[in-house]
């Protein structure tokens, strides 16, 4: 995913004939996405993202920073010390060109725990990087290890239940062979197609249960207009 996204981001920034990205999932048809959306200003961001940036404090880690729009708001408008990471070299190059100071090509699972953070941001369906339900614990333990004592993880996602049909009794016809938020994702850009990869959307209750199972408190901060939400995870203090 990140390679074609990164290519599109750098093309857009350098005026190298950018085109729309085409995204398709296992439960939705191909959809065009303008790369300009990844360059949105604070005023153009959804309310969930604005709220997350409001709540960010201390040393911040922005995971999957993309074009760097969230990090730039924190760095430039709020004078917050932010470290941004992405697995795409092109995305990181674009962030550097935009003036982001601390941005690196890095997979979160490989990040050394030597440095800890007060706020970790995972936005634009932050649960997506977990990939599948069975991987959540591995990621949450890693994120927990990167938190300072009173630190917080701000993460957003959507409950995809609305994508499925309901019968007359109101029951949803969801697949029986797995969790309905486990999707596969394909990205196309300029005639290239990325390998299909797993991408996870989580309903809030499932996220909360996973957080508690991994020694994290979970709080619903804000709900969006369409089954989306922002949650805050923090380390549980033993009684």
Protein backbone atom coordinates (compact mmCIF):
# COMPACT_ATOMS: atom_id res chain seq x y z
CA UNK A 1 0.00 0.00 0.00
CA UNK A 2 2.52 2.58 1.12
CA UNK A 3 4.71 2.37 -1.97
CA UNK A 4 2.06 3.54 -4.44
CA UNK A 5 0.62 5.96 -1.89
CA UNK A 6 4.14 7.32 -1.37
CA UNK A 7 4.73 7.60 -5.11
CA UNK A 8 1.46 9.50 -5.53
CA UNK A 9 2.32 11.80 -2.60
CA UNK A 10 5.73 12.70 -4.03
CA UNK A 11 4.30 13.14 -7.55
CA UNK A 12 1.66 15.53 -6.21
CA UNK A 13 4.16 17.58 -4.19
CA UNK A 14 6.65 17.88 -7.08
CA UNK A 15 3.96 18.40 -9.77
CA UNK A 16 5.05 15.21 -11.52
CA UNK A 17 1.75 14.57 -13.34
CA UNK A 18 -0.11 13.20 -10.30
CA UNK A 19 -3.20 11.07 -10.90
CA UNK A 20 -5.96 9.88 -8.61
CA UNK A 21 -5.33 6.76 -6.55
CA UNK A 22 -7.75 3.91 -7.15
CA UNK A 23 -8.55 1.83 -4.07
CA UNK A 24 -10.63 -1.33 -3.89
CA UNK A 25 -11.49 -3.60 -0.98
CA UNK A 26 -12.92 -7.08 -0.62
CA UNK A 27 -16.34 -5.57 0.20
CA UNK A 28 -16.37 -2.45 -1.99
CA UNK A 29 -15.83 -1.59 -5.63
CA UNK A 30 -12.98 0.50 -7.02
CA UNK A 31 -13.07 4.08 -5.82
CA UNK A 32 -11.02 7.09 -6.92
CA UNK A 33 -9.22 9.14 -4.29
CA UNK A 34 -7.60 12.49 -5.00
CA UNK A 35 -4.03 12.65 -3.66
CA UNK A 36 -4.75 16.26 -2.63
CA UNK A 37 -6.82 14.86 0.27
CA UNK A 38 -3.59 13.64 1.90
CA UNK A 39 -2.34 17.25 1.91
CA UNK A 40 -5.32 18.70 3.79
CA UNK A 41 -4.91 21.56 6.23
CA UNK A 42 -6.17 21.46 9.82
CA UNK A 43 -9.39 23.24 8.79
CA UNK A 44 -10.01 20.62 6.08
CA UNK A 45 -9.53 17.65 8.41
CA UNK A 46 -12.44 15.59 9.78
CA UNK A 47 -13.45 16.51 13.33
CA UNK A 48 -11.97 13.25 14.70
CA UNK A 49 -8.52 14.16 13.38
CA UNK A 50 -8.81 17.73 14.65
CA UNK A 51 -9.72 16.40 18.10
CA UNK A 52 -6.76 13.99 18.11
CA UNK A 53 -4.38 16.84 17.25
CA UNK A 54 -5.94 18.96 20.01
CA UNK A 55 -5.33 16.18 22.53
CA UNK A 56 -1.75 15.48 21.42
CA UNK A 57 0.81 16.52 24.03
CA UNK A 58 4.44 16.03 25.01
CA UNK A 59 6.68 14.01 22.72
CA UNK A 60 4.53 12.72 19.85
CA UNK A 61 5.00 9.74 17.50
CA UNK A 62 2.95 9.88 14.29
CA UNK A 63 2.73 6.37 12.80
CA UNK A 64 2.01 6.03 9.07
CA UNK A 65 2.46 9.77 8.57
CA UNK A 66 1.82 9.73 4.81
CA UNK A 67 2.20 13.27 3.46
CA UNK A 68 2.85 14.53 7.00
CA UNK A 69 -0.19 16.78 7.35
CA UNK A 70 -0.92 15.83 10.98
CA UNK A 71 2.71 16.14 12.06
CA UNK A 72 3.12 19.50 10.34
CA UNK A 73 0.17 20.94 12.26
CA UNK A 74 1.76 19.82 15.54
CA UNK A 75 5.26 20.96 14.58
CA UNK A 76 4.39 24.31 13.00
CA UNK A 77 1.18 25.43 14.70
CA UNK A 78 1.60 23.97 18.18
CA UNK A 79 5.39 23.82 18.50
CA UNK A 80 5.18 20.18 19.64
CA UNK A 81 8.14 17.79 19.33
CA UNK A 82 6.92 15.22 16.84
CA UNK A 83 8.61 12.16 15.32
CA UNK A 84 6.91 10.87 12.17
CA UNK A 85 7.42 7.45 10.58
CA UNK A 86 6.20 5.74 7.44
CA UNK A 87 7.27 2.61 5.59
CA UNK A 88 7.35 4.50 2.27
CA UNK A 89 10.62 6.21 1.29
CA UNK A 90 8.76 8.49 -1.12
CA UNK A 91 6.29 9.60 1.56
CA UNK A 92 9.16 10.37 3.93
CA UNK A 93 10.97 12.30 1.19
CA UNK A 94 7.80 14.34 0.60
CA UNK A 95 7.50 15.08 4.33
CA UNK A 96 11.09 16.30 4.38
CA UNK A 97 10.45 18.55 1.38
CA UNK A 98 7.43 19.97 3.24
CA UNK A 99 9.66 20.93 6.16
CA UNK A 100 8.96 18.12 8.63
CA UNK A 101 12.07 17.88 10.82
CA UNK A 102 12.01 14.40 12.40
CA UNK A 103 10.66 11.92 9.85
CA UNK A 104 12.05 8.46 9.12
CA UNK A 105 11.42 5.35 7.03
CA UNK A 106 10.44 2.90 9.75
CA UNK A 107 8.15 -0.05 10.43
CA UNK A 108 6.57 0.42 13.86
CA UNK A 109 7.27 -3.20 14.86
CA UNK A 110 11.00 -2.61 14.31
CA UNK A 111 11.18 0.68 16.21
CA UNK A 112 13.58 0.50 19.14
CA UNK A 113 12.04 1.05 22.54
CA UNK A 114 14.90 3.29 23.70
CA UNK A 115 12.81 6.38 23.02
CA UNK A 116 9.39 6.71 24.61
CA UNK A 117 6.52 9.02 23.78
CA UNK A 118 3.71 10.87 25.55
CA UNK A 119 1.34 10.62 22.59
CA UNK A 120 1.20 8.07 19.78
CA UNK A 121 -1.01 8.98 16.81
CA UNK A 122 -2.62 6.40 14.51
CA UNK A 123 -5.03 8.28 12.26
CA UNK A 124 -6.93 7.70 9.00
CA UNK A 125 -8.21 4.33 10.21
CA UNK A 126 -5.25 3.76 12.50
CA UNK A 127 -6.32 0.19 13.26
CA UNK A 128 -5.64 -0.65 9.62
CA UNK A 129 -1.98 -1.43 10.24
CA UNK A 130 -2.95 -4.30 12.57
CA UNK A 131 -4.04 -6.12 9.40
CA UNK A 132 -6.07 -8.87 11.08
CA UNK A 133 -7.65 -9.53 14.48
CA UNK A 134 -5.00 -12.04 15.49
CA UNK A 135 -2.23 -9.45 15.05
CA UNK A 136 -3.77 -6.81 17.34
CA UNK A 137 -2.05 -8.04 20.51
CA UNK A 138 1.40 -7.89 18.92
CA UNK A 139 0.85 -4.28 17.84
CA UNK A 140 -0.74 -3.13 21.09
CA UNK A 141 2.13 -4.59 23.13
CA UNK A 142 4.61 -2.78 20.89
CA UNK A 143 2.73 0.52 21.19
CA UNK A 144 2.45 0.08 24.96
CA UNK A 145 6.23 -0.43 25.20
CA UNK A 146 6.77 2.94 23.50
CA UNK A 147 4.57 4.92 25.92
CA UNK A 148 5.76 7.07 28.78
CA UNK A 149 4.08 6.47 32.14
CA UNK A 150 1.15 8.86 31.56
CA UNK A 151 1.19 8.45 27.80
CA UNK A 152 -1.72 7.99 25.42
CA UNK A 153 -2.45 6.32 22.10
CA UNK A 154 -4.95 8.23 19.95
CA UNK A 155 -6.42 5.95 17.30
CA UNK A 156 -9.40 6.12 14.97
CA UNK A 157 -11.40 3.57 13.03
CA UNK A 158 -14.88 2.79 11.72
CA UNK A 159 -17.44 0.09 12.44
CA UNK A 160 -18.13 -1.39 9.01
CA UNK A 161 -21.36 -3.08 10.08
CA UNK A 162 -23.24 -0.50 7.98
CA UNK A 163 -21.72 -2.01 4.82
CA UNK A 164 -23.70 -5.23 5.29
CA UNK A 165 -27.35 -5.92 4.56
CA UNK A 166 -29.93 -6.22 7.34
CA UNK A 167 -32.89 -8.58 7.39
CA UNK A 168 -36.38 -7.54 8.53
CA UNK A 169 -35.48 -8.32 12.15
CA UNK A 170 -32.50 -5.95 11.97
CA UNK A 171 -29.86 -8.71 11.97
CA UNK A 172 -26.85 -8.10 9.75
CA UNK A 173 -25.76 -10.71 7.22
CA UNK A 174 -22.06 -10.74 7.99
CA UNK A 175 -19.57 -13.42 6.90
CA UNK A 176 -19.46 -16.42 9.21
CA UNK A 177 -15.82 -17.27 8.52
CA UNK A 178 -14.13 -14.24 10.12
CA UNK A 179 -14.50 -10.78 11.58
CA UNK A 180 -16.46 -8.44 9.29
CA UNK A 181 -13.90 -5.63 9.62
CA UNK A 182 -11.05 -7.74 8.20
CA UNK A 183 -10.68 -6.58 4.61
CA UNK A 184 -8.20 -7.01 1.83
CA UNK A 185 -7.12 -3.84 0.08
CA UNK A 186 -5.73 -3.17 -3.40
CA UNK A 187 -4.28 0.13 -4.63
CA UNK A 188 -3.71 1.23 -8.23
CA UNK A 189 -1.76 4.26 -9.39
CA UNK A 190 -0.68 5.24 -12.91
CA UNK A 191 -1.42 1.76 -14.22
CA UNK A 192 0.50 -0.02 -11.45
CA UNK A 193 -1.26 -2.30 -8.96
CA UNK A 194 -0.04 -2.91 -5.45
CA UNK A 195 -0.13 -6.43 -4.05
CA UNK A 196 -3.32 -7.04 -2.09
CA UNK A 197 -2.79 -6.60 1.65
CA UNK A 198 -4.91 -7.03 4.79
CA UNK A 199 -6.43 -3.93 6.39
CA UNK A 200 -8.46 -3.91 9.60
CA UNK A 201 -11.43 -1.77 10.56
CA UNK A 202 -12.47 -2.24 14.19
CA UNK A 203 -15.73 -1.53 15.95
CA UNK A 204 -15.16 0.24 19.26
CA UNK A 205 -16.16 -2.68 21.52
CA UNK A 206 -13.68 -5.02 19.81
CA UNK A 207 -10.91 -2.43 20.17
CA UNK A 208 -11.79 -1.90 23.83
CA UNK A 209 -11.73 -5.65 24.56
CA UNK A 210 -8.36 -6.02 22.82
CA UNK A 211 -6.96 -3.04 24.75
CA UNK A 212 -8.06 -4.43 28.12
CA UNK A 213 -6.65 -7.85 27.23
CA UNK A 214 -3.30 -6.15 26.64
CA UNK A 215 -3.24 -4.11 29.84
CA UNK A 216 -4.50 -0.86 28.33
CA UNK A 217 -7.42 1.32 29.31
CA UNK A 218 -9.65 2.39 26.43
CA UNK A 219 -11.89 5.43 26.30
CA UNK A 220 -14.25 6.56 23.55
CA UNK A 221 -13.27 10.20 22.93
CA UNK A 222 -15.54 11.16 20.06
CA UNK A 223 -17.86 9.61 17.51
CA UNK A 224 -18.00 10.85 13.93
CA UNK A 225 -21.01 11.18 11.68
CA UNK A 226 -20.73 7.79 10.01
CA UNK A 227 -19.87 4.87 12.31
CA UNK A 228 -16.37 6.30 12.85
CA UNK A 229 -14.78 7.13 16.19
CA UNK A 230 -11.66 8.32 17.99
CA UNK A 231 -10.39 6.34 20.99
CA UNK A 232 -7.72 6.98 23.60
CA UNK A 233 -5.69 4.08 25.01
CA UNK A 234 -3.51 4.43 28.08
CA UNK A 235 -1.60 2.13 30.40
CA UNK A 236 -3.69 0.67 33.20
CA UNK A 237 -2.47 1.65 36.65
CA UNK A 238 -2.65 -1.41 38.97
CA UNK A 239 -4.91 -0.88 42.00
